[in-house]
Amino acid sequence: MVEREQLIEIAVAVTAVFLMIGIMIGIGSMYGGDNGSLSSDGGEMLVGAIVGFIFLLTAVGIGLAYVLNDPDDDLDPDEDADSQSAV
């Protein structure tokens, strides 16, 4: 069964992808020509949307890392590496 954290990550990623597809469709319908080509303004908007999508996913990834961080996972940086590997 899929864990709760994975379901949250999947839902957020799918939502972000649908948002990006919607923005791309909107740009194409507003700046697209009759022959299927995109105007230069539309190209700039599309590049801006792609850059915005990259920043959005970066922020979402950082946010999920902090929200879904479980202190019981033994990922605390306070512990010495030597004490964990000592036998």
PDB file of N, CA and C in Angstrom:
ATOM      1  N   MET A   1       0.840  -1.177   0.000  1.00  0.00           N
ATOM      2  CA  MET A   1       0.000   0.000   0.000  1.00  0.00           C
ATOM      3  C   MET A   1       0.886   1.242   0.000  1.00  0.00           C
ATOM      4  N   VAL A   2       0.405   2.281  -0.625  1.00  0.00           N
ATOM      5  CA  VAL A   2       1.158   3.518  -0.745  1.00  0.00           C
ATOM      6  C   VAL A   2       1.056   4.295   0.560  1.00  0.00           C
ATOM      7  N   GLU A   3       2.190   4.826   1.016  1.00  0.00           N
ATOM      8  CA  GLU A   3       2.210   5.572   2.269  1.00  0.00           C
ATOM      9  C   GLU A   3       1.587   6.951   2.088  1.00  0.00           C
ATOM     10  N   ARG A   4       1.232   7.545   3.211  1.00  0.00           N
ATOM     11  CA  ARG A   4       0.583   8.855   3.205  1.00  0.00           C
ATOM     12  C   ARG A   4       1.474   9.915   2.556  1.00  0.00           C
ATOM     13  N   GLU A   5       2.759   9.913   2.873  1.00  0.00           N
ATOM     14  CA  GLU A   5       3.677  10.908   2.328  1.00  0.00           C
ATOM     15  C   GLU A   5       3.778  10.801   0.811  1.00  0.00           C
ATOM     16  N   GLN A   6       3.800   9.574   0.309  1.00  0.00           N
ATOM     17  CA  GLN A   6       3.872   9.383  -1.134  1.00  0.00           C
ATOM     18  C   GLN A   6       2.603   9.861  -1.824  1.00  0.00           C
ATOM     19  N   LEU A   7       1.452   9.656  -1.198  1.00  0.00           N
ATOM     20  CA  LEU A   7       0.200  10.142  -1.768  1.00  0.00           C
ATOM     21  C   LEU A   7       0.187  11.666  -1.840  1.00  0.00           C
ATOM     22  N   ILE A   8       0.704  12.318  -0.806  1.00  0.00           N
ATOM     23  CA  ILE A   8       0.772  13.775  -0.810  1.00  0.00           C
ATOM     24  C   ILE A   8       1.704  14.254  -1.913  1.00  0.00           C
ATOM     25  N   GLU A   9       2.864  13.622  -2.057  1.00  0.00           N
ATOM     26  CA  GLU A   9       3.813  14.005  -3.096  1.00  0.00           C
ATOM     27  C   GLU A   9       3.222  13.803  -4.495  1.00  0.00           C
ATOM     28  N   ILE A  10       2.536  12.709  -4.686  1.00  0.00           N
ATOM     29  CA  ILE A  10       1.915  12.431  -5.987  1.00  0.00           C
ATOM     30  C   ILE A  10       0.838  13.467  -6.294  1.00  0.00           C
ATOM     31  N   ALA A  11      -0.004  13.765  -5.321  1.00  0.00           N
ATOM     32  CA  ALA A  11      -1.081  14.735  -5.531  1.00  0.00           C
ATOM     33  C   ALA A  11      -0.536  16.118  -5.859  1.00  0.00           C
ATOM     34  N   VAL A  12       0.495  16.528  -5.155  1.00  0.00           N
ATOM     35  CA  VAL A  12       1.083  17.847  -5.408  1.00  0.00           C
ATOM     36  C   VAL A  12       1.741  17.882  -6.786  1.00  0.00           C
ATOM     37  N   ALA A  13       2.453  16.834  -7.148  1.00  0.00           N
ATOM     38  CA  ALA A  13       3.127  16.800  -8.456  1.00  0.00           C
ATOM     39  C   ALA A  13       2.117  16.784  -9.599  1.00  0.00           C
ATOM     40  N   VAL A  14       1.075  15.998  -9.481  1.00  0.00           N
ATOM     41  CA  VAL A  14       0.061  15.925 -10.536  1.00  0.00           C
ATOM     42  C   VAL A  14      -0.666  17.267 -10.666  1.00  0.00           C
ATOM     43  N   THR A  15      -0.955  17.911  -9.540  1.00  0.00           N
ATOM     44  CA  THR A  15      -1.595  19.222  -9.574  1.00  0.00           C
ATOM     45  C   THR A  15      -0.708  20.250 -10.267  1.00  0.00           C
ATOM     46  N   ALA A  16       0.589  20.238  -9.959  1.00  0.00           N
ATOM     47  CA  ALA A  16       1.518  21.181 -10.591  1.00  0.00           C
ATOM     48  C   ALA A  16       1.622  20.929 -12.093  1.00  0.00           C
ATOM     49  N   VAL A  17       1.636  19.678 -12.500  1.00  0.00           N
ATOM     50  CA  VAL A  17       1.723  19.359 -13.929  1.00  0.00           C
ATOM     51  C   VAL A  17       0.451  19.793 -14.654  1.00  0.00           C
ATOM     52  N   PHE A  18      -0.726  19.552 -14.064  1.00  0.00           N
ATOM     53  CA  PHE A  18      -1.969  19.999 -14.690  1.00  0.00           C
ATOM     54  C   PHE A  18      -2.033  21.524 -14.769  1.00  0.00           C
ATOM     55  N   LEU A  19      -1.515  22.194 -13.761  1.00  0.00           N
ATOM     56  CA  LEU A  19      -1.453  23.651 -13.791  1.00  0.00           C
ATOM     57  C   LEU A  19      -0.569  24.125 -14.940  1.00  0.00           C
ATOM     58  N   MET A  20       0.576  23.486 -15.112  1.00  0.00           N
ATOM     59  CA  MET A  20       1.483  23.852 -16.200  1.00  0.00           C
ATOM     60  C   MET A  20       0.848  23.590 -17.561  1.00  0.00           C
ATOM     61  N   ILE A  21       0.197  22.466 -17.716  1.00  0.00           N
ATOM     62  CA  ILE A  21      -0.470  22.159 -18.984  1.00  0.00           C
ATOM     63  C   ILE A  21      -1.573  23.178 -19.267  1.00  0.00           C
ATOM     64  N   GLY A  22      -2.324  23.556 -18.248  1.00  0.00           N
ATOM     65  CA  GLY A  22      -3.367  24.559 -18.419  1.00  0.00           C
ATOM     66  C   GLY A  22      -2.803  25.909 -18.832  1.00  0.00           C
ATOM     67  N   ILE A  23      -1.693  26.302 -18.221  1.00  0.00           N
ATOM     68  CA  ILE A  23      -1.052  27.562 -18.591  1.00  0.00           C
ATOM     69  C   ILE A  23      -0.541  27.495 -20.017  1.00  0.00           C
ATOM     70  N   MET A  24       0.051  26.383 -20.411  1.00  0.00           N
ATOM     71  CA  MET A  24       0.551  26.247 -21.776  1.00  0.00           C
ATOM     72  C   MET A  24      -0.597  26.279 -22.795  1.00  0.00           C
ATOM     73  N   ILE A  25      -1.704  25.654 -22.479  1.00  0.00           N
ATOM     74  CA  ILE A  25      -2.867  25.691 -23.370  1.00  0.00           C
ATOM     75  C   ILE A  25      -3.402  27.117 -23.461  1.00  0.00           C
ATOM     76  N   GLY A  26      -3.444  27.813 -22.324  1.00  0.00           N
ATOM     77  CA  GLY A  26      -3.906  29.194 -22.324  1.00  0.00           C
ATOM     78  C   GLY A  26      -3.010  30.097 -23.162  1.00  0.00           C
ATOM     79  N   ILE A  27      -1.702  29.926 -23.037  1.00  0.00           N
ATOM     80  CA  ILE A  27      -0.770  30.718 -23.846  1.00  0.00           C
ATOM     81  C   ILE A  27      -0.941  30.387 -25.321  1.00  0.00           C
ATOM     82  N   GLY A  28      -1.087  29.113 -25.636  1.00  0.00           N
ATOM     83  CA  GLY A  28      -1.271  28.713 -27.026  1.00  0.00           C
ATOM     84  C   GLY A  28      -2.547  29.259 -27.628  1.00  0.00           C
ATOM     85  N   SER A  29      -3.608  29.302 -26.846  1.00  0.00           N
ATOM     86  CA  SER A  29      -4.871  29.810 -27.388  1.00  0.00           C
ATOM     87  C   SER A  29      -4.872  31.324 -27.518  1.00  0.00           C
ATOM     88  N   MET A  30      -4.136  32.014 -26.651  1.00  0.00           N
ATOM     89  CA  MET A  30      -4.104  33.477 -26.717  1.00  0.00           C
ATOM     90  C   MET A  30      -3.104  33.989 -27.759  1.00  0.00           C
ATOM     91  N   TYR A  31      -1.959  33.350 -27.881  1.00  0.00           N
ATOM     92  CA  TYR A  31      -0.891  33.844 -28.737  1.00  0.00           C
ATOM     93  C   TYR A  31      -0.652  32.981 -29.971  1.00  0.00           C
ATOM     94  N   GLY A  32      -1.421  31.946 -30.140  1.00  0.00           N
ATOM     95  CA  GLY A  32      -1.254  31.077 -31.291  1.00  0.00           C
ATOM     96  C   GLY A  32      -1.937  31.635 -32.522  1.00  0.00           C
ATOM     97  N   GLY A  33      -1.341  31.350 -33.671  1.00  0.00           N
ATOM     98  CA  GLY A  33      -1.928  31.802 -34.929  1.00  0.00           C
ATOM     99  C   GLY A  33      -2.841  30.749 -35.526  1.00  0.00           C
ATOM    100  N   ASP A  34      -3.414  31.080 -36.660  1.00  0.00           N
ATOM    101  CA  ASP A  34      -4.320  30.146 -37.341  1.00  0.00           C
ATOM    102  C   ASP A  34      -3.567  28.962 -37.942  1.00  0.00           C
ATOM    103  N   ASN A  35      -2.300  29.169 -38.275  1.00  0.00           N
ATOM    104  CA  ASN A  35      -1.533  28.089 -38.899  1.00  0.00           C
ATOM    105  C   ASN A  35      -0.810  27.213 -37.883  1.00  0.00           C
ATOM    106  N   GLY A  36      -1.093  27.383 -36.614  1.00  0.00           N
ATOM    107  CA  GLY A  36      -0.495  26.538 -35.589  1.00  0.00           C
ATOM    108  C   GLY A  36       0.832  27.035 -35.062  1.00  0.00           C
ATOM    109  N   SER A  37       1.246  28.227 -35.483  1.00  0.00           N
ATOM    110  CA  SER A  37       2.515  28.775 -34.990  1.00  0.00           C
ATOM    111  C   SER A  37       2.251  29.722 -33.828  1.00  0.00           C
ATOM    112  N   LEU A  38       3.271  29.922 -33.025  1.00  0.00           N
ATOM    113  CA  LEU A  38       3.184  30.767 -31.847  1.00  0.00           C
ATOM    114  C   LEU A  38       3.880  32.085 -32.142  1.00  0.00           C
ATOM    115  N   SER A  39       3.272  33.199 -31.760  1.00  0.00           N
ATOM    116  CA  SER A  39       3.881  34.500 -32.006  1.00  0.00           C
ATOM    117  C   SER A  39       5.098  34.678 -31.107  1.00  0.00           C
ATOM    118  N   SER A  40       5.884  35.709 -31.361  1.00  0.00           N
ATOM    119  CA  SER A  40       7.090  35.930 -30.550  1.00  0.00           C
ATOM    120  C   SER A  40       6.718  36.280 -29.110  1.00  0.00           C
ATOM    121  N   ASP A  41       5.623  37.015 -28.921  1.00  0.00           N
ATOM    122  CA  ASP A  41       5.163  37.293 -27.557  1.00  0.00           C
ATOM    123  C   ASP A  41       4.735  36.001 -26.854  1.00  0.00           C
ATOM    124  N   GLY A  42       4.096  35.129 -27.589  1.00  0.00           N
ATOM    125  CA  GLY A  42       3.691  33.844 -27.024  1.00  0.00           C
ATOM    126  C   GLY A  42       4.879  32.978 -26.660  1.00  0.00           C
ATOM    127  N   GLY A  43       5.932  33.053 -27.485  1.00  0.00           N
ATOM    128  CA  GLY A  43       7.155  32.306 -27.170  1.00  0.00           C
ATOM    129  C   GLY A  43       7.794  32.793 -25.886  1.00  0.00           C
ATOM    130  N   GLU A  44       7.805  34.116 -25.706  1.00  0.00           N
ATOM    131  CA  GLU A  44       8.351  34.675 -24.468  1.00  0.00           C
ATOM    132  C   GLU A  44       7.507  34.273 -23.268  1.00  0.00           C
ATOM    133  N   MET A  45       6.210  34.286 -23.442  1.00  0.00           N
ATOM    134  CA  MET A  45       5.320  33.865 -22.355  1.00  0.00           C
ATOM    135  C   MET A  45       5.527  32.390 -22.016  1.00  0.00           C
ATOM    136  N   LEU A  46       5.737  31.576 -23.047  1.00  0.00           N
ATOM    137  CA  LEU A  46       5.952  30.147 -22.827  1.00  0.00           C
ATOM    138  C   LEU A  46       7.262  29.899 -22.087  1.00  0.00           C
ATOM    139  N   VAL A  47       8.314  30.614 -22.452  1.00  0.00           N
ATOM    140  CA  VAL A  47       9.590  30.486 -21.736  1.00  0.00           C
ATOM    141  C   VAL A  47       9.418  30.929 -20.286  1.00  0.00           C
ATOM    142  N   GLY A  48       8.690  32.017 -20.074  1.00  0.00           N
ATOM    143  CA  GLY A  48       8.419  32.473 -18.713  1.00  0.00           C
ATOM    144  C   GLY A  48       7.627  31.454 -17.910  1.00  0.00           C
ATOM    145  N   ALA A  49       6.683  30.797 -18.559  1.00  0.00           N
ATOM    146  CA  ALA A  49       5.886  29.771 -17.880  1.00  0.00           C
ATOM    147  C   ALA A  49       6.755  28.573 -17.498  1.00  0.00           C
ATOM    148  N   ILE A  50       7.679  28.198 -18.374  1.00  0.00           N
ATOM    149  CA  ILE A  50       8.570  27.074 -18.072  1.00  0.00           C
ATOM    150  C   ILE A  50       9.496  27.419 -16.909  1.00  0.00           C
ATOM    151  N   VAL A  51      10.054  28.630 -16.921  1.00  0.00           N
ATOM    152  CA  VAL A  51      10.915  29.066 -15.820  1.00  0.00           C
ATOM    153  C   VAL A  51      10.103  29.132 -14.520  1.00  0.00           C
ATOM    154  N   GLY A  52       8.893  29.662 -14.599  1.00  0.00           N
ATOM    155  CA  GLY A  52       8.028  29.700 -13.419  1.00  0.00           C
ATOM    156  C   GLY A  52       7.697  28.315 -12.902  1.00  0.00           C
ATOM    157  N   PHE A  53       7.512  27.361 -13.805  1.00  0.00           N
ATOM    158  CA  PHE A  53       7.225  25.986 -13.419  1.00  0.00           C
ATOM    159  C   PHE A  53       8.419  25.371 -12.681  1.00  0.00           C
ATOM    160  N   ILE A  54       9.623  25.675 -13.150  1.00  0.00           N
ATOM    161  CA  ILE A  54      10.820  25.170 -12.483  1.00  0.00           C
ATOM    162  C   ILE A  54      10.917  25.740 -11.073  1.00  0.00           C
ATOM    163  N   PHE A  55      10.692  27.052 -10.930  1.00  0.00           N
ATOM    164  CA  PHE A  55      10.728  27.662  -9.598  1.00  0.00           C
ATOM    165  C   PHE A  55       9.611  27.127  -8.707  1.00  0.00           C
ATOM    166  N   LEU A  56       8.440  26.907  -9.285  1.00  0.00           N
ATOM    167  CA  LEU A  56       7.324  26.363  -8.513  1.00  0.00           C
ATOM    168  C   LEU A  56       7.658  24.984  -7.969  1.00  0.00           C
ATOM    169  N   LEU A  57       8.182  24.112  -8.831  1.00  0.00           N
ATOM    170  CA  LEU A  57       8.503  22.757  -8.364  1.00  0.00           C
ATOM    171  C   LEU A  57       9.648  22.755  -7.365  1.00  0.00           C
ATOM    172  N   THR A  58      10.586  23.682  -7.507  1.00  0.00           N
ATOM    173  CA  THR A  58      11.657  23.802  -6.521  1.00  0.00           C
ATOM    174  C   THR A  58      11.084  24.198  -5.166  1.00  0.00           C
ATOM    175  N   ALA A  59      10.214  25.197  -5.153  1.00  0.00           N
ATOM    176  CA  ALA A  59       9.596  25.639  -3.904  1.00  0.00           C
ATOM    177  C   ALA A  59       8.724  24.542  -3.300  1.00  0.00           C
ATOM    178  N   VAL A  60       7.992  23.834  -4.142  1.00  0.00           N
ATOM    179  CA  VAL A  60       7.141  22.741  -3.649  1.00  0.00           C
ATOM    180  C   VAL A  60       8.000  21.621  -3.063  1.00  0.00           C
ATOM    181  N   GLY A  61       9.094  21.300  -3.720  1.00  0.00           N
ATOM    182  CA  GLY A  61       9.979  20.259  -3.201  1.00  0.00           C
ATOM    183  C   GLY A  61      10.583  20.622  -1.858  1.00  0.00           C
ATOM    184  N   ILE A  62      11.019  21.868  -1.730  1.00  0.00           N
ATOM    185  CA  ILE A  62      11.575  22.314  -0.448  1.00  0.00           C
ATOM    186  C   ILE A  62      10.495  22.326   0.622  1.00  0.00           C
ATOM    187  N   GLY A  63       9.311  22.812   0.253  1.00  0.00           N
ATOM    188  CA  GLY A  63       8.211  22.832   1.213  1.00  0.00           C
ATOM    189  C   GLY A  63       7.806  21.439   1.672  1.00  0.00           C
ATOM    190  N   LEU A  64       7.727  20.503   0.746  1.00  0.00           N
ATOM    191  CA  LEU A  64       7.387  19.128   1.124  1.00  0.00           C
ATOM    192  C   LEU A  64       8.478  18.491   1.977  1.00  0.00           C
ATOM    193  N   ALA A  65       9.720  18.839   1.719  1.00  0.00           N
ATOM    194  CA  ALA A  65      10.813  18.289   2.520  1.00  0.00           C
ATOM    195  C   ALA A  65      10.690  18.724   3.977  1.00  0.00           C
ATOM    196  N   TYR A  66      10.289  19.965   4.192  1.00  0.00           N
ATOM    197  CA  TYR A  66      10.121  20.436   5.566  1.00  0.00           C
ATOM    198  C   TYR A  66       8.833  19.932   6.197  1.00  0.00           C
ATOM    199  N   VAL A  67       7.759  19.874   5.434  1.00  0.00           N
ATOM    200  CA  VAL A  67       6.474  19.457   5.994  1.00  0.00           C
ATOM    201  C   VAL A  67       6.461  17.961   6.287  1.00  0.00           C
ATOM    202  N   LEU A  68       7.030  17.175   5.403  1.00  0.00           N
ATOM    203  CA  LEU A  68       6.965  15.717   5.555  1.00  0.00           C
ATOM    204  C   LEU A  68       8.163  15.138   6.298  1.00  0.00           C
ATOM    205  N   ASN A  69       9.048  15.981   6.820  1.00  0.00           N
ATOM    206  CA  ASN A  69      10.208  15.488   7.557  1.00  0.00           C
ATOM    207  C   ASN A  69       9.744  14.887   8.872  1.00  0.00           C
ATOM    208  N   ASP A  70      10.083  13.638   9.073  1.00  0.00           N
ATOM    209  CA  ASP A  70       9.711  12.930  10.290  1.00  0.00           C
ATOM    210  C   ASP A  70      10.923  12.839  11.197  1.00  0.00           C
ATOM    211  N   PRO A  71      10.856  13.372  12.409  1.00  0.00           N
ATOM    212  CA  PRO A  71      12.031  13.335  13.289  1.00  0.00           C
ATOM    213  C   PRO A  71      12.425  11.920  13.718  1.00  0.00           C
ATOM    214  N   ASP A  72      11.558  10.963  13.527  1.00  0.00           N
ATOM    215  CA  ASP A  72      11.871   9.583  13.911  1.00  0.00           C
ATOM    216  C   ASP A  72      12.634   8.824  12.837  1.00  0.00           C
ATOM    217  N   ASP A  73      12.965   9.482  11.723  1.00  0.00           N
ATOM    218  CA  ASP A  73      13.656   8.814  10.626  1.00  0.00           C
ATOM    219  C   ASP A  73      15.165   8.744  10.808  1.00  0.00           C
ATOM    220  N   ASP A  74      15.689   9.203  11.935  1.00  0.00           N
ATOM    221  CA  ASP A  74      17.129   9.224  12.214  1.00  0.00           C
ATOM    222  C   ASP A  74      17.892  10.016  11.157  1.00  0.00           C
ATOM    223  N   LEU A  75      17.347  11.137  10.740  1.00  0.00           N
ATOM    224  CA  LEU A  75      18.016  11.995   9.772  1.00  0.00           C
ATOM    225  C   LEU A  75      18.541  13.263  10.431  1.00  0.00           C
ATOM    226  N   ASP A  76      18.650  13.266  11.761  1.00  0.00           N
ATOM    227  CA  ASP A  76      19.101  14.450  12.473  1.00  0.00           C
ATOM    228  C   ASP A  76      20.581  14.696  12.220  1.00  0.00           C
ATOM    229  N   PRO A  77      20.950  15.905  11.829  1.00  0.00           N
ATOM    230  CA  PRO A  77      22.358  16.204  11.583  1.00  0.00           C
ATOM    231  C   PRO A  77      23.146  16.413  12.871  1.00  0.00           C
ATOM    232  N   ASP A  78      22.473  16.420  14.028  1.00  0.00           N
ATOM    233  CA  ASP A  78      23.147  16.663  15.298  1.00  0.00           C
ATOM    234  C   ASP A  78      23.990  15.474  15.756  1.00  0.00           C
ATOM    235  N   GLU A  79      23.681  14.299  15.272  1.00  0.00           N
ATOM    236  CA  GLU A  79      24.399  13.106  15.705  1.00  0.00           C
ATOM    237  C   GLU A  79      25.718  12.986  14.964  1.00  0.00           C
ATOM    238  N   ASP A  80      26.737  12.497  15.654  1.00  0.00           N
ATOM    239  CA  ASP A  80      28.041  12.273  15.025  1.00  0.00           C
ATOM    240  C   ASP A  80      27.985  11.069  14.099  1.00  0.00           C
ATOM    241  N   ALA A  81      28.670  11.169  13.004  1.00  0.00           N
ATOM    242  CA  ALA A  81      28.757  10.024  12.084  1.00  0.00           C
ATOM    243  C   ALA A  81      29.580   8.906  12.700  1.00  0.00           C
ATOM    244  N   ASP A  82      30.543   9.275  13.556  1.00  0.00           N
ATOM    245  CA  ASP A  82      31.370   8.251  14.191  1.00  0.00           C
ATOM    246  C   ASP A  82      30.573   7.419  15.192  1.00  0.00           C
ATOM    247  N   SER A  83      29.635   8.033  15.880  1.00  0.00           N
ATOM    248  CA  SER A  83      28.865   7.280  16.871  1.00  0.00           C
ATOM    249  C   SER A  83      27.913   6.298  16.221  1.00  0.00           C
ATOM    250  N   GLN A  84      27.479   6.569  14.984  1.00  0.00           N
ATOM    251  CA  GLN A  84      26.593   5.654  14.290  1.00  0.00           C
ATOM    252  C   GLN A  84      27.337   4.470  13.703  1.00  0.00           C
ATOM    253  N   SER A  85      28.590   4.680  13.305  1.00  0.00           N
ATOM    254  CA  SER A  85      29.319   3.597  12.679  1.00  0.00           C
ATOM    255  C   SER A  85      30.160   2.798  13.674  1.00  0.00           C
ATOM    256  N   ALA A  86      30.189   3.224  14.924  1.00  0.00           N
ATOM    257  CA  ALA A  86      30.997   2.500  15.925  1.00  0.00           C
ATOM    258  C   ALA A  86      30.341   1.171  16.239  1.00  0.00           C
ATOM    259  N   VAL A  87      31.156   0.167  16.419  1.00  0.00           N
ATOM    260  CA  VAL A  87      30.658  -1.171  16.698  1.00  0.00           C
ATOM    261  C   VAL A  87      30.849  -1.509  18.147  1.00  0.00           C
TER     262      VAL A  87
END
